[in-house]
Amino acid sequence: MNLIDIGHAVRMRRAELGLSQAQLAHLSGLSRQTLVGLENGALSDLGVNRVGQVLAVLGLDTQKPDTLARGKKRGLWMAAKTASVSFAHELAPEALEQALASGDVPLPFAPHLTHLFDEAPVPVVVMAVEEAASRAHLPPRQIWRNVAKLAESLSVHRRALWA
């Protein structure tokens, strides 16, 4: 696998998830210029750690970028468990799906969502967004807008990450 193949897989997966180049660059810790170069096949070299960062955010395997293994993971369940780790009452995956699909905070679970957006690993949130979009039959871009809205309304510390 070379950088041109990886760049093509990154571009296709980013589009599937409804992420802009700027959003993916921000989530993966790369500059937008680097991401553009990767997607366009214009980079002659990019360190394995940097490639790994972007592939991890997208849920692509480093052996052969695909999403087969990702489909077997339960993104909403993992995110709901992560959000509930410090609370007596658990946020159900279905309630998280509803919050992501609607952009509305279920009042008893505002602290859970705050914890999720402030503390959860980015790939866990990406998986939850992808699964919520699929289950709600909504484009992922709409779910990402709702994530940004939720992060802003909850005043999470990492709200700029989700904007």
Protein backbone atom coordinates (compact mmCIF):
# COMPACT_ATOMS: atom_id res chain seq x y z
CA MET A 1 0.00 0.00 0.00
CA ASN A 2 1.41 3.39 -0.96
CA LEU A 3 0.43 6.95 -0.04
CA ILE A 4 -1.63 7.36 -3.20
CA ASP A 5 -3.78 4.32 -2.30
CA ILE A 6 -4.06 5.48 1.30
CA GLY A 7 -5.03 8.98 0.17
CA HIS A 8 -7.76 7.57 -2.07
CA ALA A 9 -9.12 5.43 0.78
CA VAL A 10 -9.02 8.42 3.15
CA ARG A 11 -10.93 10.63 0.69
CA MET A 12 -13.61 7.97 0.10
CA ARG A 13 -14.04 7.22 3.81
CA ARG A 14 -14.10 10.90 4.76
CA ALA A 15 -16.91 11.44 2.26
CA GLU A 16 -18.81 8.41 3.59
CA LEU A 17 -18.65 9.89 7.08
CA GLY A 18 -19.74 13.34 5.90
CA LEU A 19 -16.60 15.05 7.16
CA SER A 20 -15.01 18.04 5.46
CA GLN A 21 -11.27 18.07 4.93
CA ALA A 22 -10.98 20.72 7.60
CA GLN A 23 -12.97 18.63 10.09
CA LEU A 24 -10.93 15.48 9.46
CA ALA A 25 -7.67 17.40 9.64
CA HIS A 26 -8.75 18.88 12.97
CA LEU A 27 -9.94 15.55 14.40
CA SER A 28 -6.75 13.74 13.37
CA GLY A 29 -4.29 16.47 14.36
CA LEU A 30 -3.05 17.11 10.84
CA SER A 31 -3.00 20.37 8.97
CA ARG A 32 -5.63 20.74 6.28
CA GLN A 33 -2.82 21.25 3.75
CA THR A 34 -1.29 17.90 4.71
CA LEU A 35 -4.65 16.16 4.42
CA VAL A 36 -5.28 17.73 1.01
CA GLY A 37 -1.85 16.56 -0.13
CA LEU A 38 -2.55 13.05 1.15
CA GLU A 39 -5.94 12.84 -0.57
CA ASN A 40 -4.56 14.25 -3.83
CA GLY A 41 -1.54 11.94 -3.89
CA ALA A 42 0.78 14.94 -3.79
CA LEU A 43 2.78 13.88 -0.72
CA SER A 44 6.07 12.08 -1.20
CA ASP A 45 6.30 11.09 2.46
CA LEU A 46 4.16 11.11 5.59
CA GLY A 47 5.22 9.43 8.81
CA VAL A 48 3.52 6.24 9.87
CA ASN A 49 2.25 7.87 13.06
CA ARG A 50 0.55 10.64 11.12
CA VAL A 51 -0.97 8.17 8.66
CA GLY A 52 -2.08 6.05 11.61
CA GLN A 53 -3.78 9.04 13.25
CA VAL A 54 -5.99 9.77 10.26
CA LEU A 55 -6.72 6.08 9.62
CA ALA A 56 -7.69 5.54 13.27
CA VAL A 57 -10.13 8.44 13.22
CA LEU A 58 -11.73 7.02 10.08
CA GLY A 59 -11.78 3.45 11.40
CA LEU A 60 -9.60 2.19 8.59
CA ASP A 61 -7.30 -0.77 9.18
CA THR A 62 -3.63 -0.13 8.55
CA GLN A 63 -3.13 -3.46 6.76
CA LYS A 64 -5.60 -2.67 4.00
CA PRO A 65 -7.78 0.36 4.59
CA ASP A 66 -11.35 -0.83 4.82
CA THR A 67 -14.24 -0.74 7.25
CA LEU A 68 -15.07 -4.45 7.56
CA ALA A 69 -13.85 -4.72 11.15
CA ARG A 70 -15.44 -1.37 12.00
CA GLY A 71 -18.87 -2.66 11.04
CA LYS A 72 -18.63 -5.35 13.73
CA LYS A 73 -18.04 -2.82 16.49
CA ARG A 74 -20.96 -1.23 18.28
CA GLY A 75 -20.14 2.46 18.16
CA LEU A 76 -23.22 3.74 19.94
CA TRP A 77 -22.87 1.15 22.69
CA MET A 78 -19.16 1.94 23.17
CA ALA A 79 -19.85 5.69 23.25
CA ALA A 80 -22.78 5.28 25.65
CA LYS A 81 -20.64 3.16 28.00
CA THR A 82 -17.84 5.74 27.81
CA ALA A 83 -20.30 8.53 28.56
CA SER A 84 -21.72 6.65 31.54
CA VAL A 85 -18.49 5.61 33.23
CA SER A 86 -18.78 8.07 36.15
CA PHE A 87 -22.54 8.07 36.63
CA ALA A 88 -25.02 5.89 38.52
CA HIS A 89 -27.57 5.94 35.68
CA GLU A 90 -26.39 4.75 32.30
CA LEU A 91 -27.04 6.52 29.03
CA ALA A 92 -28.64 3.94 26.75
CA PRO A 93 -27.28 3.62 23.20
CA GLU A 94 -30.77 4.43 21.92
CA ALA A 95 -30.88 7.68 23.91
CA LEU A 96 -27.46 8.62 22.57
CA GLU A 97 -28.63 7.85 19.05
CA GLN A 98 -31.67 10.11 19.56
CA ALA A 99 -29.50 12.94 20.92
CA LEU A 100 -27.08 12.69 17.99
CA ALA A 101 -29.88 12.47 15.44
CA SER A 102 -31.90 15.35 16.89
CA GLY A 103 -29.22 17.61 18.34
CA ASP A 104 -31.27 17.84 21.53
CA VAL A 105 -29.87 17.08 24.96
CA PRO A 106 -31.91 14.60 26.99
CA LEU A 107 -31.95 16.54 30.30
CA PRO A 108 -31.00 13.76 32.70
CA PHE A 109 -28.06 12.89 30.44
CA ALA A 110 -26.48 16.29 29.83
CA PRO A 111 -23.53 15.37 32.10
CA HIS A 112 -23.08 12.11 30.20
CA LEU A 113 -22.90 13.89 26.85
CA THR A 114 -20.53 16.48 28.30
CA HIS A 115 -18.26 13.69 29.49
CA LEU A 116 -18.47 11.94 26.10
CA PHE A 117 -17.47 15.02 24.12
CA ASP A 118 -14.78 16.06 26.60
CA GLU A 119 -13.19 12.70 27.39
CA ALA A 120 -13.99 10.01 24.82
CA PRO A 121 -11.39 9.05 22.23
CA VAL A 122 -12.23 10.67 18.89
CA PRO A 123 -12.59 7.30 17.06
CA VAL A 124 -15.32 6.26 19.53
CA VAL A 125 -17.32 9.42 18.77
CA VAL A 126 -16.80 8.94 15.03
CA MET A 127 -18.14 5.37 15.29
CA ALA A 128 -21.17 6.61 17.23
CA VAL A 129 -21.85 9.32 14.64
CA GLU A 130 -21.58 6.81 11.81
CA GLU A 131 -23.91 4.32 13.48
CA ALA A 132 -26.43 7.02 14.48
CA ALA A 133 -26.53 8.32 10.91
CA SER A 134 -27.11 4.82 9.56
CA ARG A 135 -29.82 3.95 12.06
CA ALA A 136 -31.61 7.29 11.71
CA HIS A 137 -31.29 7.26 7.92
CA LEU A 138 -29.63 10.67 8.01
CA PRO A 139 -26.53 11.89 6.23
CA PRO A 140 -23.49 11.79 8.54
CA ARG A 141 -22.92 15.50 7.87
CA GLN A 142 -26.21 16.27 9.63
CA ILE A 143 -25.13 14.23 12.66
CA TRP A 144 -21.82 16.12 12.73
CA ARG A 145 -23.74 19.41 12.77
CA ASN A 146 -25.74 18.07 15.71
CA VAL A 147 -22.54 17.05 17.50
CA ALA A 148 -21.24 20.61 17.11
CA LYS A 149 -24.57 21.98 18.35
CA LEU A 150 -24.59 19.66 21.36
CA ALA A 151 -20.97 20.44 22.24
CA GLU A 152 -21.72 24.17 22.06
CA SER A 153 -24.94 23.97 24.09
CA LEU A 154 -23.21 21.88 26.77
CA SER A 155 -20.17 24.20 26.80
CA VAL A 156 -17.81 21.24 26.66
CA HIS A 157 -14.11 22.00 26.95
CA ARG A 158 -13.35 20.33 23.61
CA ARG A 159 -16.22 22.05 21.76
CA ALA A 160 -13.78 23.57 19.25
CA LEU A 161 -12.80 20.01 18.29
CA TRP A 162 -16.36 19.20 17.30
CA ALA A 163 -17.14 22.54 15.58
